[in-house]
Amino acid sequence: MQIIAELNVANNAIDEFGCFTLMAGGRENTSLRNLVLDGNPLGVQGGRILIKVATELGNRLTMSAKNCDFNIHNSNFVFNINGKFHTLVD
């Protein structure tokens, strides 16, 4: 069995949807120690979920988001947790 301890997805056009997916994986994959998101258009919601997960996980997962675009706003960003729909939009 292979274990992913570091994942570098820098400059891969990862948007807020991709960021949310990676953050969910980061929460579940306890072997992941370093996630590099540099240079991606993560958007407003991506930035929010990034901060939320960083706060929850503390030092377990180191994340880098250098030169990401956090100004993109997608009002259609909705996700489902336990049958309830949520949004990260104000």
N, C-alpha and C. Protein backbone atom coordinates (compact mmCIF):
# COMPACT_ATOMS: atom_id res chain seq x y z
N MET A 1 0.84 -1.17 0.00
CA MET A 1 0.00 0.00 0.00
C MET A 1 0.89 1.24 0.00
N GLN A 2 0.58 2.18 -0.89
CA GLN A 2 1.34 3.42 -0.95
C GLN A 2 0.66 4.49 -0.11
N ILE A 3 1.47 5.31 0.52
CA ILE A 3 0.97 6.40 1.34
C ILE A 3 1.41 7.71 0.73
N ILE A 4 0.49 8.64 0.57
CA ILE A 4 0.82 9.96 0.06
C ILE A 4 1.03 10.89 1.25
N ALA A 5 2.27 11.32 1.42
CA ALA A 5 2.60 12.23 2.52
C ALA A 5 2.68 13.67 2.04
N GLU A 6 2.95 13.86 0.73
CA GLU A 6 3.05 15.21 0.17
C GLU A 6 2.36 15.23 -1.18
N LEU A 7 1.55 16.26 -1.39
CA LEU A 7 0.83 16.43 -2.64
C LEU A 7 1.06 17.84 -3.15
N ASN A 8 1.68 17.96 -4.31
CA ASN A 8 1.95 19.25 -4.92
C ASN A 8 1.08 19.40 -6.15
N VAL A 9 0.07 20.25 -6.06
CA VAL A 9 -0.84 20.51 -7.19
C VAL A 9 -0.76 21.99 -7.59
N ALA A 10 0.43 22.56 -7.47
CA ALA A 10 0.64 23.97 -7.81
C ALA A 10 0.36 24.21 -9.29
N ASN A 11 -0.22 25.38 -9.57
CA ASN A 11 -0.46 25.84 -10.94
C ASN A 11 -1.23 24.83 -11.79
N ASN A 12 -2.31 24.31 -11.25
CA ASN A 12 -3.14 23.34 -11.96
C ASN A 12 -4.56 23.82 -12.18
N ALA A 13 -4.78 25.12 -12.09
CA ALA A 13 -6.11 25.71 -12.31
C ALA A 13 -7.17 25.12 -11.38
N ILE A 14 -6.78 24.82 -10.16
CA ILE A 14 -7.71 24.28 -9.16
C ILE A 14 -8.56 25.43 -8.64
N ASP A 15 -9.87 25.29 -8.78
CA ASP A 15 -10.79 26.34 -8.35
C ASP A 15 -11.36 25.99 -6.97
N GLU A 16 -12.39 26.73 -6.57
CA GLU A 16 -12.98 26.51 -5.25
C GLU A 16 -13.57 25.11 -5.08
N PHE A 17 -14.10 24.54 -6.14
CA PHE A 17 -14.64 23.18 -6.05
C PHE A 17 -13.52 22.18 -5.80
N GLY A 18 -12.43 22.33 -6.54
CA GLY A 18 -11.28 21.46 -6.36
C GLY A 18 -10.66 21.64 -4.98
N CYS A 19 -10.61 22.89 -4.52
CA CYS A 19 -10.06 23.18 -3.20
C CYS A 19 -10.89 22.49 -2.12
N PHE A 20 -12.20 22.56 -2.25
CA PHE A 20 -13.08 21.91 -1.27
C PHE A 20 -12.82 20.41 -1.24
N THR A 21 -12.66 19.80 -2.41
CA THR A 21 -12.40 18.37 -2.50
C THR A 21 -11.07 18.02 -1.85
N LEU A 22 -10.04 18.82 -2.14
CA LEU A 22 -8.72 18.56 -1.54
C LEU A 22 -8.74 18.75 -0.03
N MET A 23 -9.51 19.72 0.45
CA MET A 23 -9.60 19.94 1.89
C MET A 23 -10.32 18.78 2.58
N ALA A 24 -11.34 18.25 1.93
CA ALA A 24 -12.04 17.08 2.48
C ALA A 24 -11.08 15.89 2.53
N GLY A 25 -10.28 15.72 1.48
CA GLY A 25 -9.29 14.64 1.47
C GLY A 25 -8.21 14.84 2.53
N GLY A 26 -7.81 16.09 2.72
CA GLY A 26 -6.80 16.40 3.73
C GLY A 26 -7.28 16.09 5.14
N ARG A 27 -8.56 16.28 5.36
CA ARG A 27 -9.13 15.94 6.67
C ARG A 27 -9.11 14.43 6.91
N GLU A 28 -9.45 13.67 5.88
CA GLU A 28 -9.60 12.22 6.01
C GLU A 28 -8.28 11.47 5.92
N ASN A 29 -7.35 11.96 5.10
CA ASN A 29 -6.09 11.27 4.88
C ASN A 29 -5.09 11.71 5.94
N THR A 30 -4.98 10.95 7.01
CA THR A 30 -4.12 11.34 8.12
C THR A 30 -2.64 11.19 7.81
N SER A 31 -2.29 10.52 6.72
CA SER A 31 -0.88 10.39 6.34
C SER A 31 -0.39 11.61 5.55
N LEU A 32 -1.31 12.40 4.99
CA LEU A 32 -0.93 13.59 4.23
C LEU A 32 -0.39 14.64 5.18
N ARG A 33 0.83 15.09 4.95
CA ARG A 33 1.50 16.06 5.83
C ARG A 33 1.72 17.41 5.17
N ASN A 34 1.78 17.45 3.83
CA ASN A 34 2.09 18.69 3.14
C ASN A 34 1.27 18.78 1.85
N LEU A 35 0.55 19.89 1.69
CA LEU A 35 -0.27 20.12 0.51
C LEU A 35 0.11 21.48 -0.08
N VAL A 36 0.54 21.49 -1.33
CA VAL A 36 0.96 22.71 -2.00
C VAL A 36 -0.08 23.08 -3.06
N LEU A 37 -0.71 24.24 -2.85
CA LEU A 37 -1.76 24.72 -3.74
C LEU A 37 -1.33 25.99 -4.50
N ASP A 38 -0.09 26.35 -4.45
CA ASP A 38 0.42 27.60 -5.01
C ASP A 38 -0.06 27.86 -6.44
N GLY A 39 -0.40 29.13 -6.71
CA GLY A 39 -0.71 29.56 -8.07
C GLY A 39 -2.03 29.11 -8.64
N ASN A 40 -2.97 28.73 -7.81
CA ASN A 40 -4.29 28.28 -8.28
C ASN A 40 -5.36 29.34 -8.01
N PRO A 41 -6.40 29.39 -8.84
CA PRO A 41 -7.50 30.34 -8.63
C PRO A 41 -8.52 29.79 -7.63
N LEU A 42 -8.15 29.75 -6.36
CA LEU A 42 -8.98 29.10 -5.33
C LEU A 42 -10.26 29.85 -5.03
N GLY A 43 -10.30 31.14 -5.29
CA GLY A 43 -11.50 31.93 -5.06
C GLY A 43 -11.78 32.22 -3.60
N VAL A 44 -12.83 32.98 -3.37
CA VAL A 44 -13.22 33.39 -2.02
C VAL A 44 -13.56 32.18 -1.17
N GLN A 45 -14.41 31.30 -1.70
CA GLN A 45 -14.84 30.14 -0.93
C GLN A 45 -13.70 29.16 -0.70
N GLY A 46 -12.83 29.01 -1.68
CA GLY A 46 -11.66 28.16 -1.51
C GLY A 46 -10.76 28.66 -0.40
N GLY A 47 -10.58 29.98 -0.34
CA GLY A 47 -9.79 30.57 0.73
C GLY A 47 -10.40 30.34 2.09
N ARG A 48 -11.71 30.44 2.16
CA ARG A 48 -12.40 30.23 3.44
C ARG A 48 -12.27 28.80 3.93
N ILE A 49 -12.46 27.84 3.04
CA ILE A 49 -12.36 26.44 3.48
C ILE A 49 -10.92 26.09 3.81
N LEU A 50 -9.97 26.71 3.10
CA LEU A 50 -8.55 26.51 3.40
C LEU A 50 -8.23 26.95 4.82
N ILE A 51 -8.70 28.12 5.20
CA ILE A 51 -8.47 28.64 6.55
C ILE A 51 -9.17 27.78 7.59
N LYS A 52 -10.40 27.36 7.29
CA LYS A 52 -11.16 26.53 8.23
C LYS A 52 -10.43 25.21 8.51
N VAL A 53 -9.98 24.55 7.46
CA VAL A 53 -9.29 23.26 7.64
C VAL A 53 -7.94 23.46 8.32
N ALA A 54 -7.22 24.52 7.95
CA ALA A 54 -5.93 24.79 8.61
C ALA A 54 -6.13 25.00 10.10
N THR A 55 -7.20 25.68 10.47
CA THR A 55 -7.50 25.90 11.89
C THR A 55 -7.86 24.60 12.59
N GLU A 56 -8.64 23.77 11.93
CA GLU A 56 -9.06 22.50 12.53
C GLU A 56 -7.90 21.51 12.70
N LEU A 57 -7.03 21.44 11.68
CA LEU A 57 -5.98 20.42 11.69
C LEU A 57 -4.69 20.87 12.37
N GLY A 58 -4.53 22.17 12.56
CA GLY A 58 -3.33 22.67 13.22
C GLY A 58 -2.06 22.27 12.49
N ASN A 59 -1.12 21.69 13.21
CA ASN A 59 0.17 21.34 12.64
C ASN A 59 0.20 20.01 11.90
N ARG A 60 -0.90 19.27 11.91
CA ARG A 60 -0.89 17.96 11.25
C ARG A 60 -0.69 18.07 9.74
N LEU A 61 -1.25 19.12 9.14
CA LEU A 61 -1.15 19.31 7.69
C LEU A 61 -0.63 20.71 7.40
N THR A 62 0.52 20.77 6.74
CA THR A 62 1.09 22.03 6.30
C THR A 62 0.58 22.33 4.90
N MET A 63 0.06 23.54 4.70
CA MET A 63 -0.47 23.92 3.40
C MET A 63 0.19 25.20 2.92
N SER A 64 0.39 25.28 1.62
CA SER A 64 0.95 26.48 1.00
C SER A 64 -0.01 26.94 -0.09
N ALA A 65 -0.29 28.25 -0.11
CA ALA A 65 -1.20 28.81 -1.11
C ALA A 65 -0.60 30.12 -1.64
N LYS A 66 0.67 30.10 -1.98
CA LYS A 66 1.35 31.30 -2.49
C LYS A 66 0.81 31.65 -3.87
N ASN A 67 0.64 32.94 -4.11
CA ASN A 67 0.22 33.47 -5.42
C ASN A 67 -1.10 32.89 -5.92
N CYS A 68 -1.98 32.51 -5.01
CA CYS A 68 -3.32 32.05 -5.41
C CYS A 68 -4.24 33.25 -5.59
N ASP A 69 -5.23 33.10 -6.45
CA ASP A 69 -6.21 34.16 -6.66
C ASP A 69 -7.41 33.87 -5.77
N PHE A 70 -7.58 34.71 -4.75
CA PHE A 70 -8.69 34.55 -3.82
C PHE A 70 -9.81 35.55 -4.10
N ASN A 71 -9.76 36.24 -5.22
CA ASN A 71 -10.75 37.27 -5.55
C ASN A 71 -11.91 36.75 -6.38
N ILE A 72 -11.81 35.54 -6.90
CA ILE A 72 -12.86 34.98 -7.73
C ILE A 72 -14.04 34.61 -6.84
N HIS A 73 -15.24 35.01 -7.26
CA HIS A 73 -16.44 34.76 -6.46
C HIS A 73 -17.44 33.97 -7.29
N ASN A 74 -17.80 32.77 -6.85
CA ASN A 74 -18.77 31.93 -7.53
C ASN A 74 -19.97 31.74 -6.62
N SER A 75 -21.05 32.40 -6.92
CA SER A 75 -22.24 32.33 -6.06
C SER A 75 -22.95 30.98 -6.15
N ASN A 76 -22.56 30.13 -7.08
CA ASN A 76 -23.20 28.83 -7.23
C ASN A 76 -22.51 27.74 -6.43
N PHE A 77 -21.54 28.10 -5.60
CA PHE A 77 -20.79 27.10 -4.85
C PHE A 77 -21.64 26.59 -3.69
N VAL A 78 -22.10 25.37 -3.81
CA VAL A 78 -22.95 24.73 -2.80
C VAL A 78 -22.42 23.32 -2.59
N PHE A 79 -22.41 22.85 -1.35
CA PHE A 79 -21.98 21.49 -1.09
C PHE A 79 -22.96 20.83 -0.14
N ASN A 80 -22.93 19.50 -0.12
CA ASN A 80 -23.89 18.70 0.64
C ASN A 80 -23.17 17.96 1.75
N ILE A 81 -23.58 18.19 2.97
CA ILE A 81 -23.04 17.44 4.11
C ILE A 81 -24.22 16.84 4.86
N ASN A 82 -24.21 15.53 4.94
CA ASN A 82 -25.27 14.80 5.65
C ASN A 82 -26.67 15.18 5.19
N GLY A 83 -26.84 15.32 3.87
CA GLY A 83 -28.16 15.60 3.32
C GLY A 83 -28.61 17.05 3.42
N LYS A 84 -27.76 17.94 3.93
CA LYS A 84 -28.11 19.37 4.02
C LYS A 84 -27.17 20.16 3.11
N PHE A 85 -27.74 21.06 2.35
CA PHE A 85 -26.94 21.87 1.44
C PHE A 85 -26.43 23.11 2.15
N HIS A 86 -25.16 23.42 1.89
CA HIS A 86 -24.50 24.55 2.53
C HIS A 86 -23.80 25.38 1.47
N THR A 87 -23.52 26.61 1.79
CA THR A 87 -22.73 27.48 0.94
C THR A 87 -21.74 28.22 1.82
N LEU A 88 -20.62 28.61 1.25
CA LEU A 88 -19.64 29.37 1.99
C LEU A 88 -19.74 30.85 1.67
N VAL A 89 -20.75 31.22 0.89
CA VAL A 89 -20.95 32.62 0.52
C VAL A 89 -21.57 33.36 1.69
N ASP A 90 -21.17 34.60 1.90
CA ASP A 90 -21.76 35.43 2.98
C ASP A 90 -23.26 35.55 2.81
